[in-house]
N, C-alpha and C. Protein backbone atom coordinates (compact mmCIF):
# COMPACT_ATOMS: atom_id res chain seq x y z
N MET A 1 62.14 103.18 223.95
CA MET A 1 63.30 104.02 224.14
C MET A 1 64.30 103.25 225.00
N LYS A 2 65.55 103.39 224.66
CA LYS A 2 66.60 102.76 225.44
C LYS A 2 67.83 103.66 225.45
N ILE A 3 68.77 103.32 226.29
CA ILE A 3 69.99 104.11 226.39
C ILE A 3 70.90 103.75 225.22
N THR A 4 71.27 104.76 224.44
CA THR A 4 72.15 104.55 223.30
C THR A 4 73.35 105.49 223.40
N HIS A 5 74.35 105.20 222.64
CA HIS A 5 75.56 106.03 222.56
C HIS A 5 76.19 106.26 223.93
N CYS A 6 76.34 105.21 224.67
CA CYS A 6 76.96 105.30 225.99
C CYS A 6 78.34 104.67 225.91
N LYS A 7 79.35 105.42 226.31
CA LYS A 7 80.72 104.94 226.22
C LYS A 7 81.13 104.07 227.41
N LEU A 8 80.26 104.00 228.41
CA LEU A 8 80.57 103.16 229.58
C LEU A 8 80.45 101.69 229.22
N LYS A 9 81.30 100.89 229.84
CA LYS A 9 81.19 99.44 229.65
C LYS A 9 79.86 98.97 230.23
N LYS A 10 79.36 97.88 229.69
CA LYS A 10 78.07 97.34 230.14
C LYS A 10 78.10 97.03 231.63
N SER A 11 79.23 96.54 232.12
CA SER A 11 79.31 96.20 233.55
C SER A 11 79.17 97.46 234.41
N LEU A 12 79.79 98.57 233.98
CA LEU A 12 79.65 99.82 234.73
C LEU A 12 78.23 100.37 234.62
N GLN A 13 77.61 100.20 233.45
CA GLN A 13 76.22 100.63 233.29
C GLN A 13 75.32 99.87 234.25
N ARG A 14 75.53 98.57 234.35
CA ARG A 14 74.72 97.76 235.26
C ARG A 14 74.93 98.18 236.71
N LYS A 15 76.19 98.44 237.07
CA LYS A 15 76.48 98.86 238.44
C LYS A 15 75.81 100.21 238.74
N LEU A 16 75.92 101.16 237.80
CA LEU A 16 75.27 102.45 238.01
C LEU A 16 73.77 102.31 238.10
N LEU A 17 73.20 101.44 237.27
CA LEU A 17 71.76 101.21 237.32
C LEU A 17 71.37 100.59 238.67
N GLU A 18 72.19 99.67 239.15
CA GLU A 18 71.93 99.06 240.46
C GLU A 18 71.95 100.12 241.56
N TYR A 19 72.94 101.02 241.51
CA TYR A 19 73.01 102.08 242.50
C TYR A 19 71.84 103.05 242.37
N PHE A 20 71.39 103.29 241.13
CA PHE A 20 70.23 104.16 240.91
C PHE A 20 69.00 103.56 241.57
N VAL A 21 68.80 102.26 241.39
CA VAL A 21 67.64 101.57 241.98
C VAL A 21 67.72 101.60 243.50
N LEU A 22 68.92 101.48 244.03
CA LEU A 22 69.11 101.50 245.48
C LEU A 22 69.10 102.92 246.05
N GLU A 23 68.86 103.91 245.18
CA GLU A 23 68.80 105.32 245.56
C GLU A 23 70.11 105.84 246.14
N VAL A 24 71.22 105.34 245.61
CA VAL A 24 72.53 105.84 245.98
C VAL A 24 72.76 107.13 245.21
N THR A 25 73.30 108.14 245.86
CA THR A 25 73.54 109.41 245.17
C THR A 25 74.60 109.23 244.09
N THR A 26 74.57 110.13 243.14
CA THR A 26 75.53 110.08 242.04
C THR A 26 76.95 110.22 242.58
N ARG A 27 77.14 111.12 243.49
CA ARG A 27 78.48 111.34 244.06
C ARG A 27 79.02 110.08 244.74
N SER A 28 78.17 109.39 245.47
CA SER A 28 78.60 108.16 246.14
C SER A 28 78.95 107.09 245.12
N ALA A 29 78.13 106.96 244.08
CA ALA A 29 78.39 105.97 243.04
C ALA A 29 79.71 106.26 242.34
N VAL A 30 79.99 107.54 242.10
CA VAL A 30 81.24 107.95 241.46
C VAL A 30 82.43 107.55 242.32
N ASP A 31 82.32 107.80 243.61
CA ASP A 31 83.41 107.44 244.52
C ASP A 31 83.64 105.94 244.55
N ILE A 32 82.58 105.17 244.55
CA ILE A 32 82.69 103.72 244.62
C ILE A 32 83.28 103.15 243.33
N LEU A 33 82.79 103.63 242.18
CA LEU A 33 83.20 103.07 240.89
C LEU A 33 84.44 103.72 240.31
N GLY A 34 84.80 104.89 240.79
CA GLY A 34 85.99 105.56 240.30
C GLY A 34 85.84 106.09 238.88
N ILE A 35 84.69 106.66 238.57
CA ILE A 35 84.46 107.24 237.25
C ILE A 35 84.26 108.74 237.38
N GLN A 36 84.22 109.43 236.25
CA GLN A 36 84.05 110.88 236.24
C GLN A 36 82.64 111.26 236.70
N PRO A 37 82.51 112.28 237.53
CA PRO A 37 81.18 112.69 238.01
C PRO A 37 80.21 113.05 236.89
N ASN A 38 80.68 113.76 235.87
CA ASN A 38 79.78 114.16 234.79
C ASN A 38 79.26 112.95 234.03
N THR A 39 80.06 111.91 233.91
CA THR A 39 79.63 110.69 233.23
C THR A 39 78.47 110.05 233.98
N ALA A 40 78.60 109.95 235.29
CA ALA A 40 77.54 109.34 236.10
C ALA A 40 76.28 110.21 236.10
N ILE A 41 76.45 111.52 236.17
CA ILE A 41 75.30 112.42 236.15
C ILE A 41 74.55 112.28 234.83
N PHE A 42 75.28 112.23 233.73
CA PHE A 42 74.66 112.08 232.41
C PHE A 42 73.94 110.75 232.31
N PHE A 43 74.55 109.68 232.83
CA PHE A 43 73.93 108.36 232.78
C PHE A 43 72.65 108.33 233.62
N TYR A 44 72.69 108.91 234.82
CA TYR A 44 71.49 108.97 235.66
C TYR A 44 70.38 109.74 234.95
N ARG A 45 70.75 110.82 234.26
CA ARG A 45 69.75 111.60 233.51
C ARG A 45 69.13 110.75 232.40
N LYS A 46 69.96 109.97 231.71
CA LYS A 46 69.45 109.09 230.65
C LYS A 46 68.50 108.05 231.23
N ILE A 47 68.84 107.51 232.38
CA ILE A 47 67.97 106.52 233.03
C ILE A 47 66.61 107.14 233.34
N ARG A 48 66.64 108.35 233.89
CA ARG A 48 65.38 109.04 234.22
C ARG A 48 64.54 109.29 232.97
N LEU A 49 65.17 109.64 231.86
CA LEU A 49 64.44 109.86 230.61
C LEU A 49 63.78 108.58 230.12
N VAL A 50 64.49 107.47 230.20
CA VAL A 50 63.94 106.19 229.76
C VAL A 50 62.75 105.80 230.65
N ILE A 51 62.91 105.96 231.96
CA ILE A 51 61.82 105.63 232.88
C ILE A 51 60.61 106.51 232.60
N SER A 52 60.84 107.79 232.41
CA SER A 52 59.75 108.72 232.12
C SER A 52 59.03 108.33 230.83
N HIS A 53 59.77 107.97 229.82
CA HIS A 53 59.17 107.56 228.54
C HIS A 53 58.28 106.34 228.73
N HIS A 54 58.79 105.33 229.43
CA HIS A 54 58.02 104.10 229.63
C HIS A 54 56.79 104.33 230.51
N LEU A 55 56.90 105.19 231.51
CA LEU A 55 55.74 105.51 232.34
C LEU A 55 54.67 106.23 231.53
N ALA A 56 55.08 107.11 230.64
CA ALA A 56 54.11 107.82 229.79
C ALA A 56 53.40 106.85 228.86
N LEU A 57 54.14 105.90 228.29
CA LEU A 57 53.53 104.89 227.42
C LEU A 57 52.52 104.05 228.19
N GLU A 58 52.89 103.65 229.39
CA GLU A 58 52.00 102.84 230.21
C GLU A 58 50.75 103.62 230.61
N ALA A 59 50.91 104.88 230.93
CA ALA A 59 49.76 105.71 231.29
C ALA A 59 48.81 105.85 230.11
N ASP A 60 49.34 106.00 228.91
CA ASP A 60 48.49 106.08 227.71
C ASP A 60 47.70 104.80 227.52
N GLN A 61 48.34 103.66 227.74
CA GLN A 61 47.66 102.38 227.58
C GLN A 61 46.54 102.23 228.60
N VAL A 62 46.78 102.66 229.81
CA VAL A 62 45.76 102.56 230.86
C VAL A 62 44.57 103.46 230.53
N LEU A 63 44.85 104.66 230.07
CA LEU A 63 43.78 105.59 229.74
C LEU A 63 42.97 105.12 228.53
N ARG A 64 43.61 104.49 227.58
CA ARG A 64 42.90 103.98 226.40
C ARG A 64 42.03 102.77 226.75
N ALA A 65 42.43 102.03 227.76
CA ALA A 65 41.68 100.83 228.15
C ALA A 65 40.37 101.20 228.86
N GLN A 66 40.28 102.39 229.38
CA GLN A 66 39.08 102.79 230.14
C GLN A 66 37.99 103.27 229.25
């Protein structure tokens, strides 16, 4: 699973991802980057979905190996 259909430029996506990893709040990231709050909230939600998907896949692999 990956992030698709995102209208943000790749550079802004990378910056938002960097702020997500650094645990910067969405509101702070919006203020720094000058983008719409709903856009950042939606992107953060997409990031969480991708992480959740990959963690579930990894957990399945670990359980099957036992």
